PDB file of N, CA and C in Angstrom:
ATOM      1  N   UNK A   1      -5.858  12.924 -12.988  1.00  0.00           N
ATOM      2  CA  UNK A   1      -4.629  12.142 -12.972  1.00  0.00           C
ATOM      3  C   UNK A   1      -4.734  10.986 -11.979  1.00  0.00           C
ATOM      4  N   UNK A   2      -5.369  11.226 -10.830  1.00  0.00           N
ATOM      5  CA  UNK A   2      -5.513  10.190  -9.816  1.00  0.00           C
ATOM      6  C   UNK A   2      -6.287   8.995 -10.364  1.00  0.00           C
ATOM      7  N   UNK A   3      -7.390   9.258 -11.038  1.00  0.00           N
ATOM      8  CA  UNK A   3      -8.208   8.166 -11.574  1.00  0.00           C
ATOM      9  C   UNK A   3      -7.420   7.353 -12.603  1.00  0.00           C
ATOM     10  N   UNK A   4      -6.683   8.042 -13.469  1.00  0.00           N
ATOM     11  CA  UNK A   4      -5.892   7.325 -14.483  1.00  0.00           C
ATOM     12  C   UNK A   4      -4.783   6.495 -13.846  1.00  0.00           C
ATOM     13  N   UNK A   5      -4.143   7.054 -12.819  1.00  0.00           N
ATOM     14  CA  UNK A   5      -3.084   6.308 -12.132  1.00  0.00           C
ATOM     15  C   UNK A   5      -3.655   5.058 -11.468  1.00  0.00           C
ATOM     16  N   UNK A   6      -4.817   5.193 -10.821  1.00  0.00           N
ATOM     17  CA  UNK A   6      -5.443   4.047 -10.168  1.00  0.00           C
ATOM     18  C   UNK A   6      -5.885   2.990 -11.185  1.00  0.00           C
ATOM     19  N   UNK A   7      -6.486   3.418 -12.274  1.00  0.00           N
ATOM     20  CA  UNK A   7      -6.945   2.462 -13.294  1.00  0.00           C
ATOM     21  C   UNK A   7      -5.753   1.750 -13.928  1.00  0.00           C
ATOM     22  N   UNK A   8      -4.725   2.505 -14.281  1.00  0.00           N
ATOM     23  CA  UNK A   8      -3.520   1.894 -14.842  1.00  0.00           C
ATOM     24  C   UNK A   8      -2.867   0.935 -13.872  1.00  0.00           C
ATOM     25  N   UNK A   9      -2.792   1.332 -12.599  1.00  0.00           N
ATOM     26  CA  UNK A   9      -2.198   0.465 -11.581  1.00  0.00           C
ATOM     27  C   UNK A   9      -2.996  -0.819 -11.430  1.00  0.00           C
ATOM     28  N   UNK A  10      -4.311  -0.707 -11.425  1.00  0.00           N
ATOM     29  CA  UNK A  10      -5.150  -1.895 -11.272  1.00  0.00           C
ATOM     30  C   UNK A  10      -4.952  -2.859 -12.439  1.00  0.00           C
ATOM     31  N   UNK A  11      -4.949  -2.333 -13.646  1.00  0.00           N
ATOM     32  CA  UNK A  11      -4.755  -3.200 -14.811  1.00  0.00           C
ATOM     33  C   UNK A  11      -3.368  -3.845 -14.793  1.00  0.00           C
ATOM     34  N   UNK A  12      -2.357  -3.061 -14.412  1.00  0.00           N
ATOM     35  CA  UNK A  12      -0.998  -3.610 -14.351  1.00  0.00           C
ATOM     36  C   UNK A  12      -0.881  -4.682 -13.266  1.00  0.00           C
ATOM     37  N   UNK A  13      -1.495  -4.459 -12.120  1.00  0.00           N
ATOM     38  CA  UNK A  13      -1.417  -5.450 -11.047  1.00  0.00           C
ATOM     39  C   UNK A  13      -2.145  -6.736 -11.433  1.00  0.00           C
ATOM     40  N   UNK A  14      -3.340  -6.588 -11.975  1.00  0.00           N
ATOM     41  CA  UNK A  14      -4.103  -7.774 -12.346  1.00  0.00           C
ATOM     42  C   UNK A  14      -3.385  -8.549 -13.448  1.00  0.00           C
ATOM     43  N   UNK A  15      -2.860  -7.842 -14.439  1.00  0.00           N
ATOM     44  CA  UNK A  15      -2.126  -8.517 -15.516  1.00  0.00           C
ATOM     45  C   UNK A  15      -0.898  -9.240 -14.971  1.00  0.00           C
ATOM     46  N   UNK A  16      -0.178  -8.598 -14.054  1.00  0.00           N
ATOM     47  CA  UNK A  16       0.996  -9.224 -13.462  1.00  0.00           C
ATOM     48  C   UNK A  16       0.650 -10.461 -12.657  1.00  0.00           C
ATOM     49  N   UNK A  17      -0.393 -10.357 -11.855  1.00  0.00           N
ATOM     50  CA  UNK A  17      -0.816 -11.515 -11.063  1.00  0.00           C
ATOM     51  C   UNK A  17      -1.368 -12.614 -11.960  1.00  0.00           C
ATOM     52  N   UNK A  18      -2.080 -12.223 -13.020  1.00  0.00           N
ATOM     53  CA  UNK A  18      -2.625 -13.214 -13.938  1.00  0.00           C
ATOM     54  C   UNK A  18      -1.511 -13.975 -14.651  1.00  0.00           C
ATOM     55  N   UNK A  19      -0.389 -13.301 -14.912  1.00  0.00           N
ATOM     56  CA  UNK A  19       0.751 -13.980 -15.533  1.00  0.00           C
ATOM     57  C   UNK A  19       1.252 -15.111 -14.630  1.00  0.00           C
ATOM     58  N   UNK A  20       1.336 -14.853 -13.338  1.00  0.00           N
ATOM     59  CA  UNK A  20       1.751 -15.901 -12.399  1.00  0.00           C
ATOM     60  C   UNK A  20       0.676 -16.986 -12.304  1.00  0.00           C
ATOM     61  N   UNK A  21      -0.575 -16.581 -12.299  1.00  0.00           N
ATOM     62  CA  UNK A  21      -1.691 -17.537 -12.278  1.00  0.00           C
ATOM     63  C   UNK A  21      -1.597 -18.461 -13.489  1.00  0.00           C
ATOM     64  N   UNK A  22      -1.325 -17.864 -14.649  1.00  0.00           N
ATOM     65  CA  UNK A  22      -1.225 -18.638 -15.889  1.00  0.00           C
ATOM     66  C   UNK A  22      -0.109 -19.666 -15.801  1.00  0.00           C
ATOM     67  N   UNK A  23       1.006 -19.268 -15.259  1.00  0.00           N
ATOM     68  CA  UNK A  23       2.144 -20.177 -15.114  1.00  0.00           C
ATOM     69  C   UNK A  23       1.843 -21.286 -14.101  1.00  0.00           C
ATOM     70  N   UNK A  24       1.388 -20.895 -12.911  1.00  0.00           N
ATOM     71  CA  UNK A  24       1.266 -21.848 -11.813  1.00  0.00           C
ATOM     72  C   UNK A  24      -0.041 -22.640 -11.799  1.00  0.00           C
ATOM     73  N   UNK A  25      -1.122 -22.020 -12.243  1.00  0.00           N
ATOM     74  CA  UNK A  25      -2.420 -22.694 -12.164  1.00  0.00           C
ATOM     75  C   UNK A  25      -2.890 -23.269 -13.496  1.00  0.00           C
ATOM     76  N   UNK A  26      -2.441 -22.665 -14.588  1.00  0.00           N
ATOM     77  CA  UNK A  26      -2.864 -23.140 -15.905  1.00  0.00           C
ATOM     78  C   UNK A  26      -1.768 -23.919 -16.616  1.00  0.00           C
ATOM     79  N   UNK A  27      -0.675 -24.176 -15.891  1.00  0.00           N
ATOM     80  CA  UNK A  27       0.435 -24.994 -16.400  1.00  0.00           C
ATOM     81  C   UNK A  27       1.017 -24.481 -17.714  1.00  0.00           C
ATOM     82  N   UNK A  28       1.130 -23.158 -17.820  1.00  0.00           N
ATOM     83  CA  UNK A  28       1.775 -22.566 -18.997  1.00  0.00           C
ATOM     84  C   UNK A  28       3.260 -22.366 -18.704  1.00  0.00           C
ATOM     85  N   UNK A  29       3.983 -21.903 -19.687  1.00  0.00           N
ATOM     86  CA  UNK A  29       5.428 -21.721 -19.582  1.00  0.00           C
ATOM     87  C   UNK A  29       5.811 -20.742 -18.465  1.00  0.00           C
ATOM     88  N   UNK A  30       6.958 -21.004 -17.862  1.00  0.00           N
ATOM     89  CA  UNK A  30       7.495 -20.092 -16.839  1.00  0.00           C
ATOM     90  C   UNK A  30       7.857 -18.736 -17.437  1.00  0.00           C
ATOM     91  N   UNK A  31       7.946 -18.638 -18.736  1.00  0.00           N
ATOM     92  CA  UNK A  31       8.230 -17.354 -19.391  1.00  0.00           C
ATOM     93  C   UNK A  31       7.133 -16.326 -19.132  1.00  0.00           C
ATOM     94  N   UNK A  32       5.961 -16.782 -18.736  1.00  0.00           N
ATOM     95  CA  UNK A  32       4.884 -15.863 -18.372  1.00  0.00           C
ATOM     96  C   UNK A  32       5.294 -14.967 -17.201  1.00  0.00           C
ATOM     97  N   UNK A  33       6.230 -15.419 -16.400  1.00  0.00           N
ATOM     98  CA  UNK A  33       6.649 -14.654 -15.220  1.00  0.00           C
ATOM     99  C   UNK A  33       7.329 -13.333 -15.605  1.00  0.00           C
ATOM    100  N   UNK A  34       8.088 -13.324 -16.685  1.00  0.00           N
ATOM    101  CA  UNK A  34       8.823 -12.105 -17.059  1.00  0.00           C
ATOM    102  C   UNK A  34       7.901 -10.913 -17.329  1.00  0.00           C
ATOM    103  N   UNK A  35       6.898 -11.024 -18.186  1.00  0.00           N
ATOM    104  CA  UNK A  35       5.997  -9.876 -18.335  1.00  0.00           C
ATOM    105  C   UNK A  35       5.195  -9.612 -17.067  1.00  0.00           C
ATOM    106  N   UNK A  36       4.968 -10.664 -16.286  1.00  0.00           N
ATOM    107  CA  UNK A  36       4.269 -10.482 -15.013  1.00  0.00           C
ATOM    108  C   UNK A  36       5.045  -9.596 -14.061  1.00  0.00           C
ATOM    109  N   UNK A  37       6.337  -9.824 -13.953  1.00  0.00           N
ATOM    110  CA  UNK A  37       7.191  -8.999 -13.088  1.00  0.00           C
ATOM    111  C   UNK A  37       7.221  -7.558 -13.592  1.00  0.00           C
ATOM    112  N   UNK A  38       7.370  -7.384 -14.894  1.00  0.00           N
ATOM    113  CA  UNK A  38       7.384  -6.022 -15.463  1.00  0.00           C
ATOM    114  C   UNK A  38       6.072  -5.310 -15.172  1.00  0.00           C
ATOM    115  N   UNK A  39       4.977  -6.022 -15.302  1.00  0.00           N
ATOM    116  CA  UNK A  39       3.671  -5.439 -15.048  1.00  0.00           C
ATOM    117  C   UNK A  39       3.507  -5.053 -13.581  1.00  0.00           C
ATOM    118  N   UNK A  40       3.992  -5.879 -12.675  1.00  0.00           N
ATOM    119  CA  UNK A  40       3.904  -5.555 -11.247  1.00  0.00           C
ATOM    120  C   UNK A  40       4.795  -4.367 -10.879  1.00  0.00           C
ATOM    121  N   UNK A  41       5.928  -4.221 -11.554  1.00  0.00           N
ATOM    122  CA  UNK A  41       6.769  -3.033 -11.340  1.00  0.00           C
ATOM    123  C   UNK A  41       6.050  -1.776 -11.816  1.00  0.00           C
ATOM    124  N   UNK A  42       5.381  -1.867 -12.965  1.00  0.00           N
ATOM    125  CA  UNK A  42       4.604  -0.737 -13.477  1.00  0.00           C
ATOM    126  C   UNK A  42       3.484  -0.382 -12.500  1.00  0.00           C
ATOM    127  N   UNK A  43       2.828  -1.375 -11.953  1.00  0.00           N
ATOM    128  CA  UNK A  43       1.784  -1.167 -10.943  1.00  0.00           C
ATOM    129  C   UNK A  43       2.310  -0.332  -9.771  1.00  0.00           C
ATOM    130  N   UNK A  44       3.457  -0.731  -9.228  1.00  0.00           N
ATOM    131  CA  UNK A  44       4.026  -0.019  -8.078  1.00  0.00           C
ATOM    132  C   UNK A  44       4.374   1.414  -8.444  1.00  0.00           C
ATOM    133  N   UNK A  45       4.941   1.609  -9.620  1.00  0.00           N
ATOM    134  CA  UNK A  45       5.289   2.961 -10.071  1.00  0.00           C
ATOM    135  C   UNK A  45       4.035   3.830 -10.209  1.00  0.00           C
ATOM    136  N   UNK A  46       3.008   3.305 -10.827  1.00  0.00           N
ATOM    137  CA  UNK A  46       1.805   4.101 -11.070  1.00  0.00           C
ATOM    138  C   UNK A  46       1.159   4.567  -9.765  1.00  0.00           C
ATOM    139  N   UNK A  47       1.218   3.759  -8.723  1.00  0.00           N
ATOM    140  CA  UNK A  47       0.648   4.203  -7.440  1.00  0.00           C
ATOM    141  C   UNK A  47       1.410   5.390  -6.859  1.00  0.00           C
ATOM    142  N   UNK A  48       2.687   5.551  -7.217  1.00  0.00           N
ATOM    143  CA  UNK A  48       3.435   6.704  -6.709  1.00  0.00           C
ATOM    144  C   UNK A  48       2.972   8.003  -7.354  1.00  0.00           C
ATOM    145  N   UNK A  49       2.216   7.926  -8.438  1.00  0.00           N
ATOM    146  CA  UNK A  49       1.734   9.126  -9.129  1.00  0.00           C
ATOM    147  C   UNK A  49       0.472   9.713  -8.509  1.00  0.00           C
ATOM    148  N   UNK A  50      -0.151   8.971  -7.591  1.00  0.00           N
ATOM    149  CA  UNK A  50      -1.369   9.454  -6.941  1.00  0.00           C
ATOM    150  C   UNK A  50      -1.004  10.574  -5.982  1.00  0.00           C
ATOM    151  N   UNK A  51      -1.742  11.672  -6.092  1.00  0.00           N
ATOM    152  CA  UNK A  51      -1.487  12.842  -5.255  1.00  0.00           C
ATOM    153  C   UNK A  51      -2.176  12.670  -3.901  1.00  0.00           C
ATOM    154  N   UNK A  52      -1.474  12.038  -2.981  1.00  0.00           N
ATOM    155  CA  UNK A  52      -1.978  11.842  -1.629  1.00  0.00           C
ATOM    156  C   UNK A  52      -0.816  12.048  -0.665  1.00  0.00           C
ATOM    157  N   UNK A  53      -1.154  12.527   0.515  1.00  0.00           N
ATOM    158  CA  UNK A  53      -0.112  12.839   1.500  1.00  0.00           C
ATOM    159  C   UNK A  53       0.557  11.596   2.080  1.00  0.00           C
ATOM    160  N   UNK A  54      -0.194  10.510   2.193  1.00  0.00           N
ATOM    161  CA  UNK A  54       0.330   9.306   2.840  1.00  0.00           C
ATOM    162  C   UNK A  54       0.155   8.086   1.939  1.00  0.00           C
ATOM    163  N   UNK A  55       1.163   7.253   1.887  1.00  0.00           N
ATOM    164  CA  UNK A  55       1.123   6.049   1.049  1.00  0.00           C
ATOM    165  C   UNK A  55       0.003   5.109   1.481  1.00  0.00           C
ATOM    166  N   UNK A  56      -0.162   4.923   2.778  1.00  0.00           N
ATOM    167  CA  UNK A  56      -1.188   4.006   3.261  1.00  0.00           C
ATOM    168  C   UNK A  56      -2.581   4.391   2.816  1.00  0.00           C
ATOM    169  N   UNK A  57      -2.877   5.681   2.817  1.00  0.00           N
ATOM    170  CA  UNK A  57      -4.187   6.140   2.353  1.00  0.00           C
ATOM    171  C   UNK A  57      -4.329   5.889   0.851  1.00  0.00           C
ATOM    172  N   UNK A  58      -3.257   6.103   0.119  1.00  0.00           N
ATOM    173  CA  UNK A  58      -3.277   5.830  -1.320  1.00  0.00           C
ATOM    174  C   UNK A  58      -3.587   4.370  -1.570  1.00  0.00           C
ATOM    175  N   UNK A  59      -2.930   3.471  -0.851  1.00  0.00           N
ATOM    176  CA  UNK A  59      -3.127   2.037  -1.037  1.00  0.00           C
ATOM    177  C   UNK A  59      -4.528   1.609  -0.607  1.00  0.00           C
ATOM    178  N   UNK A  60      -5.013   2.182   0.477  1.00  0.00           N
ATOM    179  CA  UNK A  60      -6.349   1.830   0.966  1.00  0.00           C
ATOM    180  C   UNK A  60      -7.420   2.224  -0.051  1.00  0.00           C
ATOM    181  N   UNK A  61      -7.327   3.434  -0.573  1.00  0.00           N
ATOM    182  CA  UNK A  61      -8.307   3.886  -1.560  1.00  0.00           C
ATOM    183  C   UNK A  61      -8.190   3.072  -2.847  1.00  0.00           C
ATOM    184  N   UNK A  62      -6.992   2.682  -3.187  1.00  0.00           N
ATOM    185  CA  UNK A  62      -6.766   1.877  -4.389  1.00  0.00           C
ATOM    186  C   UNK A  62      -7.533   0.552  -4.328  1.00  0.00           C
ATOM    187  N   UNK A  63      -7.727   0.041  -3.145  1.00  0.00           N
ATOM    188  CA  UNK A  63      -8.419  -1.230  -2.998  1.00  0.00           C
ATOM    189  C   UNK A  63      -9.779  -1.256  -3.676  1.00  0.00           C
ATOM    190  N   UNK A  64     -10.529  -0.174  -3.571  1.00  0.00           N
ATOM    191  CA  UNK A  64     -11.836  -0.099  -4.226  1.00  0.00           C
ATOM    192  C   UNK A  64     -11.725  -0.148  -5.735  1.00  0.00           C
ATOM    193  N   UNK A  65     -10.754   0.574  -6.258  1.00  0.00           N
ATOM    194  CA  UNK A  65     -10.537   0.574  -7.713  1.00  0.00           C
ATOM    195  C   UNK A  65     -10.121  -0.819  -8.167  1.00  0.00           C
ATOM    196  N   UNK A  66      -9.267  -1.469  -7.391  1.00  0.00           N
ATOM    197  CA  UNK A  66      -8.819  -2.824  -7.732  1.00  0.00           C
ATOM    198  C   UNK A  66      -9.994  -3.793  -7.828  1.00  0.00           C
ATOM    199  N   UNK A  67     -10.920  -3.697  -6.907  1.00  0.00           N
ATOM    200  CA  UNK A  67     -12.076  -4.592  -6.914  1.00  0.00           C
ATOM    201  C   UNK A  67     -12.865  -4.435  -8.205  1.00  0.00           C
ATOM    202  N   UNK A  68     -13.122  -3.202  -8.599  1.00  0.00           N
ATOM    203  CA  UNK A  68     -13.863  -2.957  -9.845  1.00  0.00           C
ATOM    204  C   UNK A  68     -13.077  -3.473 -11.052  1.00  0.00           C
ATOM    205  N   UNK A  69     -11.774  -3.197 -11.077  1.00  0.00           N
ATOM    206  CA  UNK A  69     -10.946  -3.655 -12.197  1.00  0.00           C
ATOM    207  C   UNK A  69     -10.895  -5.188 -12.256  1.00  0.00           C
ATOM    208  N   UNK A  70     -10.819  -5.837 -11.101  1.00  0.00           N
ATOM    209  CA  UNK A  70     -10.781  -7.302 -11.077  1.00  0.00           C
ATOM    210  C   UNK A  70     -12.079  -7.889 -11.629  1.00  0.00           C
ATOM    211  N   UNK A  71     -13.201  -7.270 -11.320  1.00  0.00           N
ATOM    212  CA  UNK A  71     -14.465  -7.753 -11.874  1.00  0.00           C
ATOM    213  C   UNK A  71     -14.541  -7.490 -13.375  1.00  0.00           C
ATOM    214  N   UNK A  72     -13.972  -6.372 -13.822  1.00  0.00           N
ATOM    215  CA  UNK A  72     -13.883  -6.112 -15.254  1.00  0.00           C
ATOM    216  C   UNK A  72     -13.031  -7.154 -15.950  1.00  0.00           C
ATOM    217  N   UNK A  73     -11.919  -7.526 -15.332  1.00  0.00           N
ATOM    218  CA  UNK A  73     -11.034  -8.574 -15.870  1.00  0.00           C
ATOM    219  C   UNK A  73     -11.797  -9.905 -15.950  1.00  0.00           C
ATOM    220  N   UNK A  74     -12.520 -10.205 -14.878  1.00  0.00           N
ATOM    221  CA  UNK A  74     -13.321 -11.428 -14.836  1.00  0.00           C
ATOM    222  C   UNK A  74     -14.248 -11.496 -16.043  1.00  0.00           C
ATOM    223  N   UNK A  75     -14.855 -10.365 -16.370  1.00  0.00           N
ATOM    224  CA  UNK A  75     -15.832 -10.311 -17.456  1.00  0.00           C
ATOM    225  C   UNK A  75     -15.153 -10.308 -18.828  1.00  0.00           C
ATOM    226  N   UNK A  76     -14.209  -9.387 -19.033  1.00  0.00           N
ATOM    227  CA  UNK A  76     -13.614  -9.192 -20.355  1.00  0.00           C
ATOM    228  C   UNK A  76     -12.615 -10.288 -20.722  1.00  0.00           C
ATOM    229  N   UNK A  77     -11.727 -10.628 -19.793  1.00  0.00           N
ATOM    230  CA  UNK A  77     -10.653 -11.574 -20.104  1.00  0.00           C
ATOM    231  C   UNK A  77     -11.081 -13.026 -19.866  1.00  0.00           C
ATOM    232  N   UNK A  78     -11.767 -13.261 -18.759  1.00  0.00           N
ATOM    233  CA  UNK A  78     -12.126 -14.639 -18.415  1.00  0.00           C
ATOM    234  C   UNK A  78     -13.509 -15.055 -18.913  1.00  0.00           C
ATOM    235  N   UNK A  79     -14.284 -14.089 -19.403  1.00  0.00           N
ATOM    236  CA  UNK A  79     -15.572 -14.398 -19.999  1.00  0.00           C
ATOM    237  C   UNK A  79     -16.670 -14.789 -19.024  1.00  0.00           C
ATOM    238  N   UNK A  80     -16.536 -14.380 -17.762  1.00  0.00           N
ATOM    239  CA  UNK A  80     -17.535 -14.696 -16.741  1.00  0.00           C
ATOM    240  C   UNK A  80     -18.196 -13.393 -16.305  1.00  0.00           C
ATOM    241  N   UNK A  81     -19.495 -13.297 -16.504  1.00  0.00           N
ATOM    242  CA  UNK A  81     -20.214 -12.058 -16.198  1.00  0.00           C
ATOM    243  C   UNK A  81     -20.439 -11.935 -14.687  1.00  0.00           C
ATOM    244  N   UNK A  82     -19.989 -10.815 -14.083  1.00  0.00           N
ATOM    245  CA  UNK A  82     -20.238 -10.602 -12.649  1.00  0.00           C
ATOM    246  C   UNK A  82     -21.747 -10.563 -12.365  1.00  0.00           C
ATOM    247  N   UNK A  83     -22.138 -11.077 -11.210  1.00  0.00           N
ATOM    248  CA  UNK A  83     -23.555 -11.047 -10.859  1.00  0.00           C
ATOM    249  C   UNK A  83     -23.892  -9.767 -10.097  1.00  0.00           C
ATOM    250  N   UNK A  84     -25.134  -9.625  -9.700  1.00  0.00           N
ATOM    251  CA  UNK A  84     -25.572  -8.377  -9.049  1.00  0.00           C
ATOM    252  C   UNK A  84     -24.835  -8.136  -7.740  1.00  0.00           C
ATOM    253  N   UNK A  85     -24.465  -9.203  -7.031  1.00  0.00           N
ATOM    254  CA  UNK A  85     -23.748  -9.030  -5.769  1.00  0.00           C
ATOM    255  C   UNK A  85     -22.326  -8.538  -6.007  1.00  0.00           C
ATOM    256  N   UNK A  86     -21.727  -8.984  -7.094  1.00  0.00           N
ATOM    257  CA  UNK A  86     -20.415  -8.456  -7.475  1.00  0.00           C
ATOM    258  C   UNK A  86     -20.519  -6.957  -7.748  1.00  0.00           C
ATOM    259  N   UNK A  87     -21.544  -6.572  -8.500  1.00  0.00           N
ATOM    260  CA  UNK A  87     -21.718  -5.159  -8.876  1.00  0.00           C
ATOM    261  C   UNK A  87     -22.020  -4.302  -7.650  1.00  0.00           C
ATOM    262  N   UNK A  88     -22.893  -4.786  -6.783  1.00  0.00           N
ATOM    263  CA  UNK A  88     -23.213  -4.032  -5.554  1.00  0.00           C
ATOM    264  C   UNK A  88     -21.968  -3.903  -4.681  1.00  0.00           C
ATOM    265  N   UNK A  89     -21.241  -4.994  -4.510  1.00  0.00           N
ATOM    266  CA  UNK A  89     -20.014  -4.947  -3.711  1.00  0.00           C
ATOM    267  C   UNK A  89     -18.993  -3.988  -4.286  1.00  0.00           C
ATOM    268  N   UNK A  90     -18.854  -3.973  -5.603  1.00  0.00           N
ATOM    269  CA  UNK A  90     -17.919  -3.050  -6.255  1.00  0.00           C
ATOM    270  C   UNK A  90     -18.348  -1.608  -6.015  1.00  0.00           C
ATOM    271  N   UNK A  91     -19.633  -1.342  -6.095  1.00  0.00           N
ATOM    272  CA  UNK A  91     -20.123   0.020  -5.835  1.00  0.00           C
ATOM    273  C   UNK A  91     -19.835   0.459  -4.415  1.00  0.00           C
ATOM    274  N   UNK A  92     -20.077  -0.426  -3.462  1.00  0.00           N
ATOM    275  CA  UNK A  92     -19.786  -0.116  -2.057  1.00  0.00           C
ATOM    276  C   UNK A  92     -18.292   0.155  -1.877  1.00  0.00           C
ATOM    277  N   UNK A  93     -17.462  -0.644  -2.521  1.00  0.00           N
ATOM    278  CA  UNK A  93     -16.013  -0.458  -2.367  1.00  0.00           C
ATOM    279  C   UNK A  93     -15.561   0.872  -2.970  1.00  0.00           C
ATOM    280  N   UNK A  94     -16.173   1.293  -4.075  1.00  0.00           N
ATOM    281  CA  UNK A  94     -15.809   2.587  -4.659  1.00  0.00           C
ATOM    282  C   UNK A  94     -16.228   3.750  -3.765  1.00  0.00           C
ATOM    283  N   UNK A  95     -17.378   3.627  -3.129  1.00  0.00           N
ATOM    284  CA  UNK A  95     -17.797   4.664  -2.176  1.00  0.00           C
ATOM    285  C   UNK A  95     -16.791   4.730  -1.032  1.00  0.00           C
ATOM    286  N   UNK A  96     -16.390   3.585  -0.522  1.00  0.00           N
ATOM    287  CA  UNK A  96     -15.387   3.547   0.544  1.00  0.00           C
ATOM    288  C   UNK A  96     -14.066   4.146   0.096  1.00  0.00           C
ATOM    289  N   UNK A  97     -13.626   3.828  -1.113  1.00  0.00           N
ATOM    290  CA  UNK A  97     -12.373   4.377  -1.634  1.00  0.00           C
ATOM    291  C   UNK A  97     -12.453   5.890  -1.743  1.00  0.00           C
ATOM    292  N   UNK A  98     -13.590   6.401  -2.214  1.00  0.00           N
ATOM    293  CA  UNK A  98     -13.752   7.852  -2.339  1.00  0.00           C
ATOM    294  C   UNK A  98     -13.726   8.526  -0.974  1.00  0.00           C
ATOM    295  N   UNK A  99     -14.365   7.913   0.015  1.00  0.00           N
ATOM    296  CA  UNK A  99     -14.339   8.473   1.369  1.00  0.00           C
ATOM    297  C   UNK A  99     -12.910   8.526   1.918  1.00  0.00           C
ATOM    298  N   UNK A 100     -12.160   7.473   1.699  1.00  0.00           N
ATOM    299  CA  UNK A 100     -10.773   7.437   2.188  1.00  0.00           C
ATOM    300  C   UNK A 100      -9.927   8.504   1.514  1.00  0.00           C
ATOM    301  N   UNK A 101     -10.071   8.630   0.213  1.00  0.00           N
ATOM    302  CA  UNK A 101      -9.193   9.530  -0.534  1.00  0.00           C
ATOM    303  C   UNK A 101      -9.625  10.991  -0.454  1.00  0.00           C
ATOM    304  N   UNK A 102     -10.928  11.241  -0.505  1.00  0.00           N
ATOM    305  CA  UNK A 102     -11.408  12.627  -0.629  1.00  0.00           C
ATOM    306  C   UNK A 102     -12.165  13.131   0.588  1.00  0.00           C
ATOM    307  N   UNK A 103     -12.327  12.326   1.630  1.00  0.00           N
ATOM    308  CA  UNK A 103     -13.069  12.753   2.808  1.00  0.00           C
ATOM    309  C   UNK A 103     -12.396  13.922   3.507  1.00  0.00           C
ATOM    310  N   UNK A 104     -13.215  14.776   4.119  1.00  0.00           N
ATOM    311  CA  UNK A 104     -12.635  15.931   4.827  1.00  0.00           C
ATOM    312  C   UNK A 104     -11.787  15.479   6.008  1.00  0.00           C
ATOM    313  N   UNK A 105     -10.687  16.117   6.185  1.00  0.00           N
ATOM    314  CA  UNK A 105      -9.770  15.780   7.272  1.00  0.00           C
ATOM    315  C   UNK A 105      -9.679  16.949   8.234  1.00  0.00           C
ATOM    316  N   UNK A 106      -9.708  16.636   9.497  1.00  0.00           N
ATOM    317  CA  UNK A 106      -9.542  17.659  10.530  1.00  0.00           C
ATOM    318  C   UNK A 106      -8.078  18.034  10.676  1.00  0.00           C
ATOM    319  N   UNK A 107      -7.827  19.226  11.109  1.00  0.00           N
ATOM    320  CA  UNK A 107      -6.441  19.593  11.404  1.00  0.00           C
ATOM    321  C   UNK A 107      -5.911  20.530  10.463  1.00  0.00           C
TER     322      UNK A 107
END
């Protein structure tokens, strides 16, 4: 469930931000903002489904998933293939996210 919540949240956040990007940077209609806002609300909701004791840890671990999803968006939606440094960086970020979320805790 955690992985699905993170993946869904990442896609919703990127789609929401891309809607604003489309409006402000690509000079498209301001109507792009409405689905963007809905998507960002879905993003926030999906992060609440992650089974973690603290919100900050949930958000920190999410960062790694976001990086991978953003590179996927770059490739699939924008048509730009990530290079080896993008892939290596994404792998490092996922290792960091896993350590934050699943690392052993004292106490």
